[in-house]
C-alpha atoms as a PDB file:
ATOM      1  CA  MET A   1      34.406  -0.826 160.826  1.00  0.00           C
ATOM      2  CA  ILE A   2      32.746  -4.164 160.103  1.00  0.00           C
ATOM      3  CA  GLY A   3      34.127  -6.066 157.117  1.00  0.00           C
ATOM      4  CA  VAL A   4      31.437  -6.844 154.586  1.00  0.00           C
ATOM      5  CA  PRO A   5      32.214  -9.659 152.157  1.00  0.00           C
ATOM      6  CA  PRO A   6      32.006  -8.755 148.487  1.00  0.00           C
ATOM      7  CA  THR A   7      28.733  -9.479 146.724  1.00  0.00           C
ATOM      8  CA  SER A   8      30.346 -12.187 144.613  1.00  0.00           C
ATOM      9  CA  ALA A   9      31.172 -14.172 147.744  1.00  0.00           C
ATOM     10  CA  LEU A  10      27.501 -14.296 148.644  1.00  0.00           C
ATOM     11  CA  SER A  11      26.117 -15.167 145.244  1.00  0.00           C
ATOM     12  CA  ARG A  12      25.493 -18.732 144.201  1.00  0.00           C
ATOM     13  CA  LEU A  13      27.991 -18.412 141.372  1.00  0.00           C
ATOM     14  CA  GLY A  14      30.588 -16.949 143.707  1.00  0.00           C
ATOM     15  CA  ILE A  15      30.126 -19.835 146.112  1.00  0.00           C
ATOM     16  CA  ARG A  16      30.425 -22.393 143.316  1.00  0.00           C
ATOM     17  CA  LEU A  17      33.521 -20.725 141.876  1.00  0.00           C
ATOM     18  CA  GLY A  18      35.083 -20.728 145.346  1.00  0.00           C
ATOM     19  CA  GLU A  19      34.244 -24.409 145.767  1.00  0.00           C
ATOM     20  CA  ARG A  20      35.702 -25.224 142.336  1.00  0.00           C
ATOM     21  CA  LYS A  21      38.911 -23.433 143.246  1.00  0.00           C
ATOM     22  CA  ALA A  22      39.137 -25.291 146.550  1.00  0.00           C
ATOM     23  CA  ARG A  23      38.437 -28.692 144.946  1.00  0.00           C
ATOM     24  CA  SER A  24      40.705 -28.380 141.926  1.00  0.00           C
ATOM     25  CA  GLY A  25      42.989 -31.328 141.587  1.00  0.00           C
ATOM     26  CA  PRO A  26      43.796 -34.241 139.290  1.00  0.00           C
ATOM     27  CA  ASP A  27      40.683 -36.284 140.136  1.00  0.00           C
ATOM     28  CA  ASN A  28      37.893 -33.749 139.808  1.00  0.00           C
ATOM     29  CA  ALA A  29      39.448 -30.690 138.100  1.00  0.00           C
ATOM     30  CA  GLY A  30      37.476 -28.352 140.281  1.00  0.00           C
ATOM     31  CA  LEU A  31      34.086 -30.014 139.910  1.00  0.00           C
ATOM     32  CA  THR A  32      31.724 -29.059 142.681  1.00  0.00           C
ATOM     33  CA  GLN A  33      29.227 -31.438 144.217  1.00  0.00           C
ATOM     34  CA  GLU A  34      26.510 -29.709 142.184  1.00  0.00           C
ATOM     35  CA  ASP A  35      28.569 -30.121 138.997  1.00  0.00           C
ATOM     36  CA  GLU A  36      28.925 -33.847 139.670  1.00  0.00           C
ATOM     37  CA  GLU A  37      25.168 -34.133 140.321  1.00  0.00           C
ATOM     38  CA  ASN A  38      24.421 -32.272 137.062  1.00  0.00           C
ATOM     39  CA  ILE A  39      26.728 -34.626 135.177  1.00  0.00           C
ATOM     40  CA  HIS A  40      25.107 -37.668 136.784  1.00  0.00           C
ATOM     41  CA  ARG A  41      21.567 -36.427 135.977  1.00  0.00           C
ATOM     42  CA  PHE A  42      22.606 -35.608 132.410  1.00  0.00           C
ATOM     43  CA  GLU A  43      24.051 -39.117 132.037  1.00  0.00           C
ATOM     44  CA  GLY A  44      20.669 -40.519 133.132  1.00  0.00           C
ATOM     45  CA  LEU A  45      18.913 -38.303 130.624  1.00  0.00           C
ATOM     46  CA  LEU A  46      21.306 -39.435 127.882  1.00  0.00           C
ATOM     47  CA  SER A  47      20.678 -43.083 128.813  1.00  0.00           C
ATOM     48  CA  ASP A  48      16.909 -42.563 128.593  1.00  0.00           C
ATOM     49  CA  THR A  49      17.282 -40.876 125.201  1.00  0.00           C
ATOM     50  CA  LEU A  50      19.563 -43.641 123.928  1.00  0.00           C
ATOM     51  CA  GLY A  51      17.048 -46.277 125.007  1.00  0.00           C
ATOM     52  CA  LEU A  52      14.239 -44.499 123.186  1.00  0.00           C
ATOM     53  CA  LEU A  53      16.323 -44.019 120.025  1.00  0.00           C
ATOM     54  CA  ARG A  54      17.295 -47.698 120.009  1.00  0.00           C
ATOM     55  CA  ARG A  55      13.638 -48.743 120.323  1.00  0.00           C
ATOM     56  CA  GLU A  56      12.658 -46.287 117.582  1.00  0.00           C
ATOM     57  CA  ASN A  57      15.456 -47.503 115.304  1.00  0.00           C
ATOM     58  CA  ASP A  58      14.357 -51.106 115.863  1.00  0.00           C
ATOM     59  CA  ALA A  59      10.792 -50.110 114.941  1.00  0.00           C
ATOM     60  CA  LEU A  60      12.064 -48.291 111.846  1.00  0.00           C
ATOM     61  CA  GLU A  61      14.017 -51.352 110.742  1.00  0.00           C
ATOM     62  CA  ALA A  62      10.896 -53.472 111.309  1.00  0.00           C
ATOM     63  CA  LYS A  63       8.876 -50.922 109.280  1.00  0.00           C
ATOM     64  CA  ASP A  64       6.485 -50.481 112.218  1.00  0.00           C
ATOM     65  CA  VAL A  65       5.200 -46.980 111.478  1.00  0.00           C
ATOM     66  CA  ALA A  66       2.658 -46.959 114.325  1.00  0.00           C
ATOM     67  CA  THR A  67       5.340 -47.618 116.926  1.00  0.00           C
ATOM     68  CA  VAL A  68       7.623 -44.971 115.414  1.00  0.00           C
ATOM     69  CA  ALA A  69       4.789 -42.447 115.563  1.00  0.00           C
ATOM     70  CA  SER A  70       4.089 -43.334 119.195  1.00  0.00           C
ATOM     71  CA  PHE A  71       7.647 -42.311 120.157  1.00  0.00           C
ATOM     72  CA  PHE A  72       7.354 -38.808 118.725  1.00  0.00           C
ATOM     73  CA  GLU A  73       6.148 -36.915 121.819  1.00  0.00           C
ATOM     74  CA  GLU A  74       8.513 -38.616 124.232  1.00  0.00           C
ATOM     75  CA  LYS A  75      11.432 -38.118 121.848  1.00  0.00           C
ATOM     76  CA  ALA A  76      10.630 -34.415 121.454  1.00  0.00           C
ATOM     77  CA  LYS A  77      10.464 -33.946 125.245  1.00  0.00           C
ATOM     78  CA  LEU A  78      13.738 -35.772 125.839  1.00  0.00           C
ATOM     79  CA  LEU A  79      15.589 -33.867 123.139  1.00  0.00           C
ATOM     80  CA  GLU A  80      14.205 -30.547 124.406  1.00  0.00           C
ATOM     81  CA  THR A  81      15.321 -31.414 127.952  1.00  0.00           C
ATOM     82  CA  LEU A  82      18.770 -32.405 126.692  1.00  0.00           C
ATOM     83  CA  GLU A  83      19.078 -29.101 124.888  1.00  0.00           C
ATOM     84  CA  ARG A  84      18.025 -27.188 127.997  1.00  0.00           C
ATOM     85  CA  LYS A  85      20.376 -29.067 130.386  1.00  0.00           C
ATOM     86  CA  GLN A  86      23.390 -29.221 128.050  1.00  0.00           C
ATOM     87  CA  PRO A  87      24.969 -25.892 129.116  1.00  0.00           C
ATOM     88  CA  ALA A  88      25.340 -27.189 132.686  1.00  0.00           C
ATOM     89  CA  VAL A  89      27.670 -30.021 131.608  1.00  0.00           C
ATOM     90  CA  GLU A  90      29.173 -28.877 128.307  1.00  0.00           C
ATOM     91  CA  PRO A  91      32.175 -27.037 129.829  1.00  0.00           C
ATOM     92  CA  PHE A  92      33.273 -30.246 131.562  1.00  0.00           C
ATOM     93  CA  LEU A  93      33.430 -32.330 128.376  1.00  0.00           C
ATOM     94  CA  ALA A  94      36.751 -30.680 127.529  1.00  0.00           C
ATOM     95  CA  VAL A  95      38.224 -31.539 130.936  1.00  0.00           C
ATOM     96  CA  ASP A  96      40.033 -34.859 131.166  1.00  0.00           C
ATOM     97  CA  VAL A  97      38.756 -36.225 134.476  1.00  0.00           C
ATOM     98  CA  PRO A  98      37.306 -39.638 135.349  1.00  0.00           C
ATOM     99  CA  ALA A  99      33.967 -38.119 136.381  1.00  0.00           C
ATOM    100  CA  VAL A 100      33.298 -37.157 132.747  1.00  0.00           C
ATOM    101  CA  ALA A 101      34.484 -40.349 131.002  1.00  0.00           C
ATOM    102  CA  GLN A 102      31.032 -41.999 131.081  1.00  0.00           C
ATOM    103  CA  LEU A 103      29.418 -38.762 129.895  1.00  0.00           C
ATOM    104  CA  ARG A 104      31.733 -38.646 126.865  1.00  0.00           C
ATOM    105  CA  LYS A 105      30.928 -42.275 126.021  1.00  0.00           C
ATOM    106  CA  LEU A 106      27.188 -41.599 126.214  1.00  0.00           C
ATOM    107  CA  VAL A 107      27.531 -38.506 124.018  1.00  0.00           C
ATOM    108  CA  ARG A 108      29.380 -40.579 121.378  1.00  0.00           C
ATOM    109  CA  ASP A 109      26.709 -43.309 121.576  1.00  0.00           C
ATOM    110  CA  LEU A 110      23.982 -40.676 121.219  1.00  0.00           C
ATOM    111  CA  ALA A 111      25.677 -39.224 118.130  1.00  0.00           C
ATOM    112  CA  GLU A 112      25.832 -42.711 116.552  1.00  0.00           C
ATOM    113  CA  GLN A 113      22.192 -43.483 117.344  1.00  0.00           C
ATOM    114  CA  LEU A 114      21.043 -40.093 116.024  1.00  0.00           C
ATOM    115  CA  GLU A 115      22.979 -40.672 112.798  1.00  0.00           C
ATOM    116  CA  LEU A 116      21.372 -44.108 112.368  1.00  0.00           C
ATOM    117  CA  ASN A 117      17.957 -42.656 113.261  1.00  0.00           C
ATOM    118  CA  GLU A 118      18.356 -39.915 110.645  1.00  0.00           C
ATOM    119  CA  HIS A 119      19.390 -42.470 108.013  1.00  0.00           C
ATOM    120  CA  LEU A 120      16.386 -44.719 108.759  1.00  0.00           C
ATOM    121  CA  LEU A 121      13.913 -41.828 108.867  1.00  0.00           C
ATOM    122  CA  ARG A 122      15.293 -40.457 105.606  1.00  0.00           C
ATOM    123  CA  GLY A 123      14.824 -43.895 104.012  1.00  0.00           C
ATOM    124  CA  MET A 124      11.238 -44.054 105.263  1.00  0.00           C
ATOM    125  CA  ALA A 125      10.535 -40.551 103.922  1.00  0.00           C
ATOM    126  CA  ASP A 126      12.053 -41.431 100.529  1.00  0.00           C
ATOM    127  CA  ALA A 127       9.920 -44.570 100.340  1.00  0.00           C
ATOM    128  CA  SER A 128       6.796 -42.555 101.178  1.00  0.00           C
ATOM    129  CA  ARG A 129       7.600 -39.999  98.462  1.00  0.00           C
ATOM    130  CA  THR A 130       8.121 -42.789  95.929  1.00  0.00           C
ATOM    131  CA  ILE A 131       4.780 -44.382  96.818  1.00  0.00           C
ATOM    132  CA  LEU A 132       2.964 -41.042  96.540  1.00  0.00           C
ATOM    133  CA  SER A 133       4.626 -40.365  93.196  1.00  0.00           C
ATOM    134  CA  GLU A 134       3.510 -43.760  91.846  1.00  0.00           C
ATOM    135  CA  ILE A 135      -0.041 -43.214  93.078  1.00  0.00           C
ATOM    136  CA  GLU A 136      -0.151 -39.793  91.393  1.00  0.00           C
ATOM    137  CA  HIS A 137       1.211 -41.325  88.181  1.00  0.00           C
ATOM    138  CA  LEU A 138      -1.498 -44.007  88.232  1.00  0.00           C
ATOM    139  CA  ARG A 139      -4.217 -41.458  88.896  1.00  0.00           C
ATOM    140  CA  SER A 140      -3.140 -39.161  86.095  1.00  0.00           C
ATOM    141  CA  ARG A 141      -2.848 -42.073  83.677  1.00  0.00           C
ATOM    142  CA  GLN A 142      -6.420 -43.133  84.403  1.00  0.00           C
ATOM    143  CA  SER A 143      -7.847 -39.602  84.402  1.00  0.00           C
ATOM    144  CA  LEU A 144      -9.668 -37.760  81.629  1.00  0.00           C
ATOM    145  CA  LYS A 145      -6.667 -35.499  80.994  1.00  0.00           C
ATOM    146  CA  GLY A 146      -5.898 -37.515  77.898  1.00  0.00           C
ATOM    147  CA  VAL A 147      -9.304 -37.466  76.086  1.00  0.00           C
ATOM    148  CA  TYR A 148      -8.894 -36.259  72.512  1.00  0.00           C
ATOM    149  CA  ASP A 149     -11.370 -35.580  69.715  1.00  0.00           C
ATOM    150  CA  LYS A 150     -11.319 -36.916  66.114  1.00  0.00           C
ATOM    151  CA  THR A 151      -8.812 -34.300  64.987  1.00  0.00           C
ATOM    152  CA  GLY A 152      -6.317 -35.186  67.711  1.00  0.00           C
ATOM    153  CA  GLN A 153      -6.934 -32.063  69.786  1.00  0.00           C
ATOM    154  CA  LEU A 154      -7.330 -32.319  73.537  1.00  0.00           C
ATOM    155  CA  ARG A 155     -10.989 -32.033  74.448  1.00  0.00           C
ATOM    156  CA  GLY A 156     -11.518 -29.313  77.015  1.00  0.00           C
ATOM    157  CA  ASP A 157     -15.258 -29.776  77.432  1.00  0.00           C
ATOM    158  CA  VAL A 158     -15.106 -33.168  79.151  1.00  0.00           C
ATOM    159  CA  ASN A 159     -17.037 -33.097  82.390  1.00  0.00           C
ATOM    160  CA  VAL A 160     -16.472 -35.783  84.953  1.00  0.00           C
ATOM    161  CA  LYS A 161     -19.759 -37.180  86.200  1.00  0.00           C
ATOM    162  CA  ALA A 162     -20.015 -38.524  89.684  1.00  0.00           C
ATOM    163  CA  PRO A 163     -20.680 -42.256  89.625  1.00  0.00           C
ATOM    164  CA  GLY A 164     -24.219 -43.299  90.518  1.00  0.00           C
ATOM    165  CA  LYS A 165     -24.875 -45.206  93.656  1.00  0.00           C
ATOM    166  CA  GLY A 166     -25.813 -48.768  93.039  1.00  0.00           C
ATOM    167  CA  PHE A 167     -26.498 -50.802  89.954  1.00  0.00           C
ATOM    168  CA  GLU A 168     -30.273 -50.622  90.284  1.00  0.00           C
ATOM    169  CA  ARG A 169     -30.458 -46.834  89.988  1.00  0.00           C
ATOM    170  CA  LYS A 170     -28.792 -46.778  86.601  1.00  0.00           C
ATOM    171  CA  PHE A 171     -30.878 -49.458  84.955  1.00  0.00           C
END
């Protein structure tokens, strides 16, 4: 009878698990070549995201709204890619091996930049709300909402007429 290897030995996961078991040691804690490549690619992705966040934070501090808006699409793509690729490297963050030291540093840097980015964006949003509130206050103060008759009652029959076009048409 011919010996047939179990299905798990032929699957990609089975091969990787076998490689991890064979490579386990103090330097790589069972990281396969593919694991190391995933970590390296994720580090590159983190570096790209950090660069973008730093540029966006600089633009926020300079109050350059147009530049901040221009980063939106790229930022969304990078963050979506990070979210998609994270499961491939997340299990290795708990392992204390040199191959993951740079990844941990980049993750900490990303957390700091995201916190600063949130703080700056929140400040910009608060400023925008304050400006809109002041504009609304000025508009309501200059509106006809406060027209009263001789008895002190609010007049409800006040119609707002559209302004005429040009001085000559009125006179």
